[in-house]
PDB file of N, CA and C in Angstrom:
ATOM      1  N   GLY A   1       0.808  -1.185   0.000  1.00  0.00           N
ATOM      2  CA  GLY A   1       0.000   0.000   0.000  1.00  0.00           C
ATOM      3  C   GLY A   1       0.852   1.249   0.000  1.00  0.00           C
ATOM      4  N   HIS A   2       0.221   2.333  -0.300  1.00  0.00           N
ATOM      5  CA  HIS A   2       0.895   3.617  -0.271  1.00  0.00           C
ATOM      6  C   HIS A   2      -0.136   4.713  -0.057  1.00  0.00           C
ATOM      7  N   ILE A   3       0.344   5.894   0.262  1.00  0.00           N
ATOM      8  CA  ILE A   3      -0.540   7.048   0.393  1.00  0.00           C
ATOM      9  C   ILE A   3      -0.688   7.636  -0.997  1.00  0.00           C
ATOM     10  N   ALA A   4      -1.870   7.557  -1.551  1.00  0.00           N
ATOM     11  CA  ALA A   4      -2.108   8.039  -2.913  1.00  0.00           C
ATOM     12  C   ALA A   4      -2.356   9.543  -2.940  1.00  0.00           C
ATOM     13  N   GLU A   5      -3.057  10.036  -1.921  1.00  0.00           N
ATOM     14  CA  GLU A   5      -3.389  11.456  -1.925  1.00  0.00           C
ATOM     15  C   GLU A   5      -3.691  11.936  -0.522  1.00  0.00           C
ATOM     16  N   ILE A   6      -3.551  13.228  -0.356  1.00  0.00           N
ATOM     17  CA  ILE A   6      -3.974  13.902   0.866  1.00  0.00           C
ATOM     18  C   ILE A   6      -4.925  15.007   0.431  1.00  0.00           C
ATOM     19  N   VAL A   7      -6.056  15.084   1.104  1.00  0.00           N
ATOM     20  CA  VAL A   7      -7.045  16.110   0.820  1.00  0.00           C
ATOM     21  C   VAL A   7      -7.136  17.014   2.035  1.00  0.00           C
ATOM     22  N   CYS A   8      -7.102  18.314   1.799  1.00  0.00           N
ATOM     23  CA  CYS A   8      -7.118  19.280   2.894  1.00  0.00           C
ATOM     24  C   CYS A   8      -7.977  20.471   2.496  1.00  0.00           C
ATOM     25  N   SER A   9      -8.813  20.926   3.403  1.00  0.00           N
ATOM     26  CA  SER A   9      -9.543  22.170   3.158  1.00  0.00           C
ATOM     27  C   SER A   9      -9.109  23.175   4.219  1.00  0.00           C
ATOM     28  N   VAL A  10      -9.102  24.442   3.829  1.00  0.00           N
ATOM     29  CA  VAL A  10      -8.642  25.488   4.731  1.00  0.00           C
ATOM     30  C   VAL A  10      -9.541  26.708   4.584  1.00  0.00           C
ATOM     31  N   ASP A  11      -9.906  27.273   5.728  1.00  0.00           N
ATOM     32  CA  ASP A  11     -10.674  28.516   5.765  1.00  0.00           C
ATOM     33  C   ASP A  11      -9.833  29.530   6.518  1.00  0.00           C
ATOM     34  N   CYS A  12      -9.271  30.473   5.789  1.00  0.00           N
ATOM     35  CA  CYS A  12      -8.424  31.486   6.436  1.00  0.00           C
ATOM     36  C   CYS A  12      -8.981  32.884   6.216  1.00  0.00           C
ATOM     37  N   GLY A  13     -10.297  32.965   6.037  1.00  0.00           N
ATOM     38  CA  GLY A  13     -10.911  34.263   5.791  1.00  0.00           C
ATOM     39  C   GLY A  13     -10.782  34.631   4.321  1.00  0.00           C
ATOM     40  N   ILE A  14     -10.983  35.897   4.021  1.00  0.00           N
ATOM     41  CA  ILE A  14     -10.843  36.366   2.640  1.00  0.00           C
ATOM     42  C   ILE A  14      -9.408  36.116   2.196  1.00  0.00           C
ATOM     43  N   VAL A  15      -9.261  35.485   1.042  1.00  0.00           N
ATOM     44  CA  VAL A  15      -7.937  35.133   0.536  1.00  0.00           C
ATOM     45  C   VAL A  15      -7.474  36.184  -0.468  1.00  0.00           C
ATOM     46  N   VAL A  16      -6.313  36.746  -0.203  1.00  0.00           N
ATOM     47  CA  VAL A  16      -5.748  37.749  -1.093  1.00  0.00           C
ATOM     48  C   VAL A  16      -5.023  37.078  -2.255  1.00  0.00           C
ATOM     49  N   ASN A  17      -4.249  36.018  -1.965  1.00  0.00           N
ATOM     50  CA  ASN A  17      -3.505  35.328  -3.012  1.00  0.00           C
ATOM     51  C   ASN A  17      -3.674  33.817  -2.830  1.00  0.00           C
ATOM     52  N   PRO A  18      -4.626  33.212  -3.552  1.00  0.00           N
ATOM     53  CA  PRO A  18      -4.904  31.777  -3.382  1.00  0.00           C
ATOM     54  C   PRO A  18      -3.696  30.881  -3.681  1.00  0.00           C
ATOM     55  N   ASP A  19      -2.840  31.270  -4.621  1.00  0.00           N
ATOM     56  CA  ASP A  19      -1.651  30.455  -4.918  1.00  0.00           C
ATOM     57  C   ASP A  19      -0.711  30.400  -3.716  1.00  0.00           C
ATOM     58  N   ASN A  20      -0.560  31.511  -3.013  1.00  0.00           N
ATOM     59  CA  ASN A  20       0.280  31.500  -1.814  1.00  0.00           C
ATOM     60  C   ASN A  20      -0.314  30.622  -0.714  1.00  0.00           C
ATOM     61  N   VAL A  21      -1.633  30.651  -0.577  1.00  0.00           N
ATOM     62  CA  VAL A  21      -2.293  29.798   0.419  1.00  0.00           C
ATOM     63  C   VAL A  21      -2.049  28.330   0.074  1.00  0.00           C
ATOM     64  N   ARG A  22      -2.261  27.957  -1.174  1.00  0.00           N
ATOM     65  CA  ARG A  22      -2.047  26.566  -1.593  1.00  0.00           C
ATOM     66  C   ARG A  22      -0.594  26.143  -1.389  1.00  0.00           C
ATOM     67  N   ALA A  23       0.342  27.007  -1.749  1.00  0.00           N
ATOM     68  CA  ALA A  23       1.766  26.683  -1.584  1.00  0.00           C
ATOM     69  C   ALA A  23       2.105  26.472  -0.111  1.00  0.00           C
ATOM     70  N   GLN A  24       1.577  27.300   0.762  1.00  0.00           N
ATOM     71  CA  GLN A  24       1.842  27.166   2.193  1.00  0.00           C
ATOM     72  C   GLN A  24       1.281  25.842   2.720  1.00  0.00           C
ATOM     73  N   ILE A  25       0.074  25.486   2.288  1.00  0.00           N
ATOM     74  CA  ILE A  25      -0.549  24.239   2.728  1.00  0.00           C
ATOM     75  C   ILE A  25       0.190  23.037   2.143  1.00  0.00           C
ATOM     76  N   GLU A  26       0.595  23.100   0.882  1.00  0.00           N
ATOM     77  CA  GLU A  26       1.375  22.000   0.286  1.00  0.00           C
ATOM     78  C   GLU A  26       2.649  21.750   1.082  1.00  0.00           C
ATOM     79  N   GLY A  27       3.341  22.807   1.437  1.00  0.00           N
ATOM     80  CA  GLY A  27       4.563  22.669   2.228  1.00  0.00           C
ATOM     81  C   GLY A  27       4.289  22.077   3.595  1.00  0.00           C
ATOM     82  N   ALA A  28       3.240  22.539   4.248  1.00  0.00           N
ATOM     83  CA  ALA A  28       2.909  22.040   5.580  1.00  0.00           C
ATOM     84  C   ALA A  28       2.507  20.567   5.543  1.00  0.00           C
ATOM     85  N   LEU A  29       1.713  20.174   4.542  1.00  0.00           N
ATOM     86  CA  LEU A  29       1.310  18.770   4.425  1.00  0.00           C
ATOM     87  C   LEU A  29       2.523  17.880   4.181  1.00  0.00           C
ATOM     88  N   THR A  30       3.419  18.322   3.316  1.00  0.00           N
ATOM     89  CA  THR A  30       4.618  17.536   3.018  1.00  0.00           C
ATOM     90  C   THR A  30       5.525  17.439   4.233  1.00  0.00           C
ATOM     91  N   MET A  31       5.719  18.542   4.948  1.00  0.00           N
ATOM     92  CA  MET A  31       6.541  18.507   6.164  1.00  0.00           C
ATOM     93  C   MET A  31       5.927  17.603   7.224  1.00  0.00           C
ATOM     94  N   GLY A  32       4.604  17.689   7.392  1.00  0.00           N
ATOM     95  CA  GLY A  32       3.931  16.866   8.384  1.00  0.00           C
ATOM     96  C   GLY A  32       4.033  15.382   8.057  1.00  0.00           C
ATOM     97  N   LEU A  33       3.867  15.043   6.782  1.00  0.00           N
ATOM     98  CA  LEU A  33       3.965  13.645   6.373  1.00  0.00           C
ATOM     99  C   LEU A  33       5.396  13.132   6.516  1.00  0.00           C
ATOM    100  N   SER A  34       6.355  13.939   6.149  1.00  0.00           N
ATOM    101  CA  SER A  34       7.759  13.549   6.284  1.00  0.00           C
ATOM    102  C   SER A  34       8.106  13.284   7.748  1.00  0.00           C
ATOM    103  N   ALA A  35       7.662  14.168   8.628  1.00  0.00           N
ATOM    104  CA  ALA A  35       7.922  13.983  10.058  1.00  0.00           C
ATOM    105  C   ALA A  35       7.250  12.724  10.581  1.00  0.00           C
ATOM    106  N   ALA A  36       6.017  12.496  10.153  1.00  0.00           N
ATOM    107  CA  ALA A  36       5.267  11.334  10.636  1.00  0.00           C
ATOM    108  C   ALA A  36       5.863  10.021  10.156  1.00  0.00           C
ATOM    109  N   LEU A  37       6.318   9.985   8.914  1.00  0.00           N
ATOM    110  CA  LEU A  37       6.777   8.727   8.343  1.00  0.00           C
ATOM    111  C   LEU A  37       8.206   8.346   8.705  1.00  0.00           C
ATOM    112  N   GLY A  38       9.079   9.309   8.876  1.00  0.00           N
ATOM    113  CA  GLY A  38      10.451   8.852   9.053  1.00  0.00           C
ATOM    114  C   GLY A  38      11.447   9.788   9.682  1.00  0.00           C
ATOM    115  N   GLU A  39      11.137  11.059   9.799  1.00  0.00           N
ATOM    116  CA  GLU A  39      12.137  11.971  10.333  1.00  0.00           C
ATOM    117  C   GLU A  39      12.426  11.654  11.798  1.00  0.00           C
ATOM    118  N   GLN A  40      13.690  11.582  12.108  1.00  0.00           N
ATOM    119  CA  GLN A  40      14.092  11.410  13.503  1.00  0.00           C
ATOM    120  C   GLN A  40      15.573  11.707  13.647  1.00  0.00           C
ATOM    121  N   VAL A  41      15.927  12.189  14.803  1.00  0.00           N
ATOM    122  CA  VAL A  41      17.325  12.385  15.148  1.00  0.00           C
ATOM    123  C   VAL A  41      17.741  11.162  15.953  1.00  0.00           C
ATOM    124  N   VAL A  42      18.778  10.478  15.500  1.00  0.00           N
ATOM    125  CA  VAL A  42      19.238   9.245  16.134  1.00  0.00           C
ATOM    126  C   VAL A  42      20.326   9.563  17.148  1.00  0.00           C
ATOM    127  N   LEU A  43      20.158   9.025  18.357  1.00  0.00           N
ATOM    128  CA  LEU A  43      21.143   9.191  19.419  1.00  0.00           C
ATOM    129  C   LEU A  43      21.736   7.831  19.765  1.00  0.00           C
ATOM    130  N   GLU A  44      23.041   7.787  19.980  1.00  0.00           N
ATOM    131  CA  GLU A  44      23.713   6.597  20.486  1.00  0.00           C
ATOM    132  C   GLU A  44      24.627   7.026  21.622  1.00  0.00           C
ATOM    133  N   GLN A  45      24.412   6.436  22.777  1.00  0.00           N
ATOM    134  CA  GLN A  45      25.171   6.768  23.981  1.00  0.00           C
ATOM    135  C   GLN A  45      25.174   8.273  24.222  1.00  0.00           C
ATOM    136  N   GLY A  46      24.013   8.901  24.013  1.00  0.00           N
ATOM    137  CA  GLY A  46      23.851  10.317  24.276  1.00  0.00           C
ATOM    138  C   GLY A  46      24.425  11.236  23.216  1.00  0.00           C
ATOM    139  N   ARG A  47      24.930  10.685  22.110  1.00  0.00           N
ATOM    140  CA  ARG A  47      25.522  11.508  21.059  1.00  0.00           C
ATOM    141  C   ARG A  47      24.659  11.454  19.800  1.00  0.00           C
ATOM    142  N   VAL A  48      24.481  12.601  19.190  1.00  0.00           N
ATOM    143  CA  VAL A  48      23.683  12.686  17.970  1.00  0.00           C
ATOM    144  C   VAL A  48      24.448  12.040  16.824  1.00  0.00           C
ATOM    145  N   GLN A  49      23.788  11.089  16.154  1.00  0.00           N
ATOM    146  CA  GLN A  49      24.381  10.410  15.006  1.00  0.00           C
ATOM    147  C   GLN A  49      23.927  11.025  13.684  1.00  0.00           C
ATOM    148  N   THR A  50      22.790  11.679  13.704  1.00  0.00           N
ATOM    149  CA  THR A  50      22.248  12.325  12.511  1.00  0.00           C
ATOM    150  C   THR A  50      22.844  13.722  12.455  1.00  0.00           C
ATOM    151  N   ARG A  51      23.864  13.892  11.653  1.00  0.00           N
ATOM    152  CA  ARG A  51      24.629  15.140  11.692  1.00  0.00           C
ATOM    153  C   ARG A  51      24.384  16.084  10.528  1.00  0.00           C
ATOM    154  N   ASN A  52      23.731  15.623   9.468  1.00  0.00           N
ATOM    155  CA  ASN A  52      23.557  16.481   8.311  1.00  0.00           C
ATOM    156  C   ASN A  52      22.334  16.012   7.521  1.00  0.00           C
ATOM    157  N   PHE A  53      21.854  16.837   6.609  1.00  0.00           N
ATOM    158  CA  PHE A  53      20.669  16.485   5.846  1.00  0.00           C
ATOM    159  C   PHE A  53      20.897  15.340   4.877  1.00  0.00           C
ATOM    160  N   ASP A  54      22.139  15.028   4.532  1.00  0.00           N
ATOM    161  CA  ASP A  54      22.363  13.902   3.632  1.00  0.00           C
ATOM    162  C   ASP A  54      22.087  12.560   4.311  1.00  0.00           C
ATOM    163  N   THR A  55      22.041  12.552   5.644  1.00  0.00           N
ATOM    164  CA  THR A  55      21.710  11.318   6.374  1.00  0.00           C
ATOM    165  C   THR A  55      20.386  11.445   7.129  1.00  0.00           C
ATOM    166  N   TYR A  56      19.700  12.566   6.954  1.00  0.00           N
ATOM    167  CA  TYR A  56      18.416  12.796   7.622  1.00  0.00           C
ATOM    168  C   TYR A  56      17.300  12.326   6.698  1.00  0.00           C
ATOM    169  N   PRO A  57      16.384  11.489   7.189  1.00  0.00           N
ATOM    170  CA  PRO A  57      15.387  10.843   6.322  1.00  0.00           C
ATOM    171  C   PRO A  57      14.205  11.738   5.934  1.00  0.00           C
ATOM    172  N   LEU A  58      14.421  12.666   5.014  1.00  0.00           N
ATOM    173  CA  LEU A  58      13.341  13.523   4.528  1.00  0.00           C
ATOM    174  C   LEU A  58      12.537  12.810   3.442  1.00  0.00           C
ATOM    175  N   LEU A  59      11.264  13.113   3.385  1.00  0.00           N
ATOM    176  CA  LEU A  59      10.395  12.591   2.335  1.00  0.00           C
ATOM    177  C   LEU A  59      10.814  13.217   1.013  1.00  0.00           C
ATOM    178  N   ASP A  60      11.082  12.391   0.000  1.00  0.00           N
ATOM    179  CA  ASP A  60      11.456  12.963  -1.297  1.00  0.00           C
ATOM    180  C   ASP A  60      10.242  13.026  -2.217  1.00  0.00           C
ATOM    181  N   ILE A  61      10.393  13.726  -3.301  1.00  0.00           N
ATOM    182  CA  ILE A  61       9.267  13.985  -4.201  1.00  0.00           C
ATOM    183  C   ILE A  61       8.673  12.700  -4.779  1.00  0.00           C
ATOM    184  N   SER A  62       9.487  11.663  -4.952  1.00  0.00           N
ATOM    185  CA  SER A  62       8.961  10.423  -5.529  1.00  0.00           C
ATOM    186  C   SER A  62       7.996   9.707  -4.587  1.00  0.00           C
ATOM    187  N   ARG A  63       8.067  10.004  -3.298  1.00  0.00           N
ATOM    188  CA  ARG A  63       7.168   9.373  -2.322  1.00  0.00           C
ATOM    189  C   ARG A  63       6.094  10.323  -1.816  1.00  0.00           C
ATOM    190  N   THR A  64       6.047  11.531  -2.359  1.00  0.00           N
ATOM    191  CA  THR A  64       5.048  12.500  -1.928  1.00  0.00           C
ATOM    192  C   THR A  64       3.746  12.240  -2.679  1.00  0.00           C
ATOM    193  N   PRO A  65       2.647  12.071  -1.952  1.00  0.00           N
ATOM    194  CA  PRO A  65       1.367  11.796  -2.619  1.00  0.00           C
ATOM    195  C   PRO A  65       0.819  13.045  -3.311  1.00  0.00           C
ATOM    196  N   SER A  66      -0.204  12.858  -4.125  1.00  0.00           N
ATOM    197  CA  SER A  66      -0.912  13.995  -4.708  1.00  0.00           C
ATOM    198  C   SER A  66      -1.572  14.774  -3.582  1.00  0.00           C
ATOM    199  N   LEU A  67      -1.546  16.078  -3.686  1.00  0.00           N
ATOM    200  CA  LEU A  67      -2.132  16.945  -2.664  1.00  0.00           C
ATOM    201  C   LEU A  67      -3.284  17.721  -3.281  1.00  0.00           C
ATOM    202  N   TYR A  68      -4.451  17.629  -2.655  1.00  0.00           N
ATOM    203  CA  TYR A  68      -5.625  18.351  -3.109  1.00  0.00           C
ATOM    204  C   TYR A  68      -6.015  19.329  -2.013  1.00  0.00           C
ATOM    205  N   ILE A  69      -5.993  20.603  -2.342  1.00  0.00           N
ATOM    206  CA  ILE A  69      -6.255  21.643  -1.348  1.00  0.00           C
ATOM    207  C   ILE A  69      -7.461  22.443  -1.792  1.00  0.00           C
ATOM    208  N   GLU A  70      -8.444  22.530  -0.916  1.00  0.00           N
ATOM    209  CA  GLU A  70      -9.639  23.318  -1.163  1.00  0.00           C
ATOM    210  C   GLU A  70      -9.572  24.549  -0.269  1.00  0.00           C
ATOM    211  N   VAL A  71      -9.510  25.710  -0.895  1.00  0.00           N
ATOM    212  CA  VAL A  71      -9.545  26.964  -0.147  1.00  0.00           C
ATOM    213  C   VAL A  71     -11.015  27.354  -0.051  1.00  0.00           C
ATOM    214  N   VAL A  72     -11.540  27.340   1.157  1.00  0.00           N
ATOM    215  CA  VAL A  72     -12.963  27.589   1.396  1.00  0.00           C
ATOM    216  C   VAL A  72     -13.269  29.071   1.170  1.00  0.00           C
ATOM    217  N   PRO A  73     -14.242  29.373   0.305  1.00  0.00           N
ATOM    218  CA  PRO A  73     -14.642  30.773   0.129  1.00  0.00           C
ATOM    219  C   PRO A  73     -15.171  31.323   1.453  1.00  0.00           C
ATOM    220  N   SER A  74     -14.755  32.519   1.797  1.00  0.00           N
ATOM    221  CA  SER A  74     -15.126  33.072   3.085  1.00  0.00           C
ATOM    222  C   SER A  74     -15.265  34.588   2.989  1.00  0.00           C
ATOM    223  N   GLU A  75     -16.132  35.124   3.805  1.00  0.00           N
ATOM    224  CA  GLU A  75     -16.293  36.573   3.921  1.00  0.00           C
ATOM    225  C   GLU A  75     -15.672  37.081   5.223  1.00  0.00           C
ATOM    226  N   ALA A  76     -15.075  36.187   5.987  1.00  0.00           N
ATOM    227  CA  ALA A  76     -14.430  36.592   7.241  1.00  0.00           C
ATOM    228  C   ALA A  76     -13.190  37.427   6.937  1.00  0.00           C
ATOM    229  N   ALA A  77     -12.782  38.206   7.896  1.00  0.00           N
ATOM    230  CA  ALA A  77     -11.584  39.040   7.723  1.00  0.00           C
ATOM    231  C   ALA A  77     -10.383  38.151   7.407  1.00  0.00           C
ATOM    232  N   PRO A  78      -9.470  38.637   6.559  1.00  0.00           N
ATOM    233  CA  PRO A  78      -8.274  37.854   6.259  1.00  0.00           C
ATOM    234  C   PRO A  78      -7.511  37.560   7.555  1.00  0.00           C
ATOM    235  N   GLY A  79      -7.145  36.307   7.741  1.00  0.00           N
ATOM    236  CA  GLY A  79      -6.483  35.941   8.986  1.00  0.00           C
ATOM    237  C   GLY A  79      -5.069  35.441   8.780  1.00  0.00           C
ATOM    238  N   GLY A  80      -4.613  35.372   7.538  1.00  0.00           N
ATOM    239  CA  GLY A  80      -3.295  34.804   7.283  1.00  0.00           C
ATOM    240  C   GLY A  80      -3.411  33.293   7.198  1.00  0.00           C
ATOM    241  N   ILE A  81      -2.284  32.639   6.888  1.00  0.00           N
ATOM    242  CA  ILE A  81      -2.375  31.195   6.694  1.00  0.00           C
ATOM    243  C   ILE A  81      -1.417  30.422   7.580  1.00  0.00           C
ATOM    244  N   GLY A  82      -0.156  30.709   7.610  1.00  0.00           N
ATOM    245  CA  GLY A  82       0.762  29.913   8.416  1.00  0.00           C
ATOM    246  C   GLY A  82       0.763  28.469   7.969  1.00  0.00           C
ATOM    247  N   GLU A  83       0.856  27.554   8.906  1.00  0.00           N
ATOM    248  CA  GLU A  83       0.857  26.117   8.599  1.00  0.00           C
ATOM    249  C   GLU A  83      -0.091  25.372   9.527  1.00  0.00           C
ATOM    250  N   PRO A  84      -1.390  25.716   9.505  1.00  0.00           N
ATOM    251  CA  PRO A  84      -2.314  25.125  10.470  1.00  0.00           C
ATOM    252  C   PRO A  84      -2.523  23.626  10.311  1.00  0.00           C
ATOM    253  N   CYS A  85      -2.274  23.082   9.137  1.00  0.00           N
ATOM    254  CA  CYS A  85      -2.542  21.659   8.931  1.00  0.00           C
ATOM    255  C   CYS A  85      -1.361  20.771   9.304  1.00  0.00           C
ATOM    256  N   LEU A  86      -0.172  21.328   9.499  1.00  0.00           N
ATOM    257  CA  LEU A  86       0.998  20.492   9.774  1.00  0.00           C
ATOM    258  C   LEU A  86       0.790  19.568  10.979  1.00  0.00           C
ATOM    259  N   PRO A  87       0.317  20.074  12.124  1.00  0.00           N
ATOM    260  CA  PRO A  87       0.166  19.162  13.272  1.00  0.00           C
ATOM    261  C   PRO A  87      -0.940  18.121  13.111  1.00  0.00           C
ATOM    262  N   ALA A  88      -1.823  18.283  12.134  1.00  0.00           N
ATOM    263  CA  ALA A  88      -2.917  17.328  11.946  1.00  0.00           C
ATOM    264  C   ALA A  88      -2.535  16.144  11.065  1.00  0.00           C
ATOM    265  N   VAL A  89      -1.413  16.219  10.355  1.00  0.00           N
ATOM    266  CA  VAL A  89      -1.053  15.170   9.405  1.00  0.00           C
ATOM    267  C   VAL A  89      -0.795  13.837  10.106  1.00  0.00           C
ATOM    268  N   ALA A  90       0.037  13.823  11.133  1.00  0.00           N
ATOM    269  CA  ALA A  90       0.359  12.560  11.816  1.00  0.00           C
ATOM    270  C   ALA A  90      -0.885  11.912  12.434  1.00  0.00           C
ATOM    271  N   PRO A  91      -1.731  12.649  13.161  1.00  0.00           N
ATOM    272  CA  PRO A  91      -2.946  12.011  13.679  1.00  0.00           C
ATOM    273  C   PRO A  91      -3.862  11.477  12.580  1.00  0.00           C
ATOM    274  N   ALA A  92      -3.990  12.212  11.481  1.00  0.00           N
ATOM    275  CA  ALA A  92      -4.818  11.730  10.370  1.00  0.00           C
ATOM    276  C   ALA A  92      -4.233  10.451   9.781  1.00  0.00           C
ATOM    277  N   LEU A  93      -2.913  10.410   9.649  1.00  0.00           N
ATOM    278  CA  LEU A  93      -2.250   9.225   9.102  1.00  0.00           C
ATOM    279  C   LEU A  93      -2.448   8.011  10.003  1.00  0.00           C
ATOM    280  N   VAL A  94      -2.218   8.165  11.304  1.00  0.00           N
ATOM    281  CA  VAL A  94      -2.349   6.998  12.181  1.00  0.00           C
ATOM    282  C   VAL A  94      -3.805   6.570  12.335  1.00  0.00           C
ATOM    283  N   ASN A  95      -4.744   7.510  12.260  1.00  0.00           N
ATOM    284  CA  ASN A  95      -6.162   7.123  12.286  1.00  0.00           C
ATOM    285  C   ASN A  95      -6.532   6.347  11.032  1.00  0.00           C
ATOM    286  N   ALA A  96      -6.043   6.782   9.876  1.00  0.00           N
ATOM    287  CA  ALA A  96      -6.312   6.044   8.637  1.00  0.00           C
ATOM    288  C   ALA A  96      -5.698   4.647   8.710  1.00  0.00           C
ATOM    289  N   TRP A  97      -4.482   4.563   9.247  1.00  0.00           N
ATOM    290  CA  TRP A  97      -3.813   3.260   9.391  1.00  0.00           C
ATOM    291  C   TRP A  97      -4.605   2.353  10.330  1.00  0.00           C
ATOM    292  N   ARG A  98      -5.100   2.908  11.446  1.00  0.00           N
ATOM    293  CA  ARG A  98      -5.882   2.117  12.395  1.00  0.00           C
ATOM    294  C   ARG A  98      -7.163   1.597  11.753  1.00  0.00           C
ATOM    295  N   LEU A  99      -7.828   2.442  10.974  1.00  0.00           N
ATOM    296  CA  LEU A  99      -9.047   2.008  10.292  1.00  0.00           C
ATOM    297  C   LEU A  99      -8.760   0.927   9.261  1.00  0.00           C
ATOM    298  N   ARG A 100      -7.621   1.015   8.601  1.00  0.00           N
ATOM    299  CA  ARG A 100      -7.270   0.036   7.573  1.00  0.00           C
ATOM    300  C   ARG A 100      -6.779  -1.277   8.164  1.00  0.00           C
ATOM    301  N   SER A 101      -5.948  -1.198   9.210  1.00  0.00           N
ATOM    302  CA  SER A 101      -5.262  -2.393   9.697  1.00  0.00           C
ATOM    303  C   SER A 101      -5.745  -2.886  11.054  1.00  0.00           C
ATOM    304  N   GLY A 102      -6.400  -2.013  11.816  1.00  0.00           N
ATOM    305  CA  GLY A 102      -6.776  -2.361  13.174  1.00  0.00           C
ATOM    306  C   GLY A 102      -5.657  -2.134  14.183  1.00  0.00           C
ATOM    307  N   GLN A 103      -4.474  -1.715  13.719  1.00  0.00           N
ATOM    308  CA  GLN A 103      -3.334  -1.476  14.604  1.00  0.00           C
ATOM    309  C   GLN A 103      -3.304  -0.025  15.070  1.00  0.00           C
ATOM    310  N   ASN A 104      -3.057   0.163  16.360  1.00  0.00           N
ATOM    311  CA  ASN A 104      -2.847   1.504  16.897  1.00  0.00           C
ATOM    312  C   ASN A 104      -1.359   1.820  16.883  1.00  0.00           C
ATOM    313  N   ILE A 105      -1.024   3.013  16.502  1.00  0.00           N
ATOM    314  CA  ILE A 105       0.360   3.481  16.495  1.00  0.00           C
ATOM    315  C   ILE A 105       0.423   4.688  17.412  1.00  0.00           C
ATOM    316  N   ALA A 106       1.370   4.679  18.342  1.00  0.00           N
ATOM    317  CA  ALA A 106       1.412   5.735  19.342  1.00  0.00           C
ATOM    318  C   ALA A 106       2.771   6.412  19.466  1.00  0.00           C
ATOM    319  N   SER A 107       3.628   6.272  18.457  1.00  0.00           N
ATOM    320  CA  SER A 107       4.913   6.961  18.527  1.00  0.00           C
ATOM    321  C   SER A 107       5.338   7.400  17.134  1.00  0.00           C
ATOM    322  N   LEU A 108       6.161   8.420  17.108  1.00  0.00           N
ATOM    323  CA  LEU A 108       6.688   8.936  15.848  1.00  0.00           C
ATOM    324  C   LEU A 108       8.179   8.671  15.788  1.00  0.00           C
ATOM    325  N   PRO A 109       8.750   8.445  14.616  1.00  0.00           N
ATOM    326  CA  PRO A 109       8.006   8.286  13.373  1.00  0.00           C
ATOM    327  C   PRO A 109       7.242   6.973  13.364  1.00  0.00           C
ATOM    328  N   VAL A 110       6.255   6.898  12.552  1.00  0.00           N
ATOM    329  CA  VAL A 110       5.394   5.715  12.509  1.00  0.00           C
ATOM    330  C   VAL A 110       6.045   4.658  11.606  1.00  0.00           C
ATOM    331  N   SER A 111       7.100   4.071  12.099  1.00  0.00           N
ATOM    332  CA  SER A 111       7.909   3.149  11.299  1.00  0.00           C
ATOM    333  C   SER A 111       7.096   1.975  10.772  1.00  0.00           C
ATOM    334  N   ALA A 112       6.113   1.516  11.509  1.00  0.00           N
ATOM    335  CA  ALA A 112       5.291   0.404  11.027  1.00  0.00           C
ATOM    336  C   ALA A 112       4.558   0.793   9.760  1.00  0.00           C
ATOM    337  N   VAL A 113       4.107   2.036   9.696  1.00  0.00           N
ATOM    338  CA  VAL A 113       3.396   2.533   8.525  1.00  0.00           C
ATOM    339  C   VAL A 113       4.407   2.832   7.423  1.00  0.00           C
ATOM    340  N   SER A 114       5.513   3.465   7.760  1.00  0.00           N
ATOM    341  CA  SER A 114       6.449   3.883   6.716  1.00  0.00           C
ATOM    342  C   SER A 114       7.035   2.686   5.971  1.00  0.00           C
ATOM    343  N   LYS A 115       7.213   1.545   6.641  1.00  0.00           N
ATOM    344  CA  LYS A 115       7.710   0.356   5.952  1.00  0.00           C
ATOM    345  C   LYS A 115       6.675  -0.179   4.974  1.00  0.00           C
ATOM    346  N   VAL A 116       5.418  -0.132   5.348  1.00  0.00           N
ATOM    347  CA  VAL A 116       4.358  -0.613   4.470  1.00  0.00           C
ATOM    348  C   VAL A 116       4.183   0.340   3.292  1.00  0.00           C
ATOM    349  N   LEU A 117       4.327   1.643   3.558  1.00  0.00           N
ATOM    350  CA  LEU A 117       4.063   2.627   2.516  1.00  0.00           C
ATOM    351  C   LEU A 117       5.283   2.979   1.683  1.00  0.00           C
ATOM    352  N   ALA A 118       6.438   2.459   2.027  1.00  0.00           N
ATOM    353  CA  ALA A 118       7.667   2.824   1.302  1.00  0.00           C
ATOM    354  C   ALA A 118       7.651   2.310  -0.112  1.00  0.00           C
TER     355      ALA A 118
END
């Protein structure tokens, strides 16, 4: 199995630049998924072993699912966007995994899922 797509809707009030909103959400979803699936700093005997990005397990583009972002039309005052969906990615992923497999996952990265989805 693999993650085929992520769907996200966002309501941030009146949107001045929808492309910027989508780009911010795409980045947040990708960062959240990367963190959930495999990012970790490895320690051995109290020393950091992960010393540079060439050995840090970031999600690459070949494993990034399709991202569908719906910007909700709104008349509310513009509130900015930031990265509100980033913290929701890992819980959404483990809930989907639990519904599919019946297994609960309670730690990050979710290595049990990342091996299946790799």
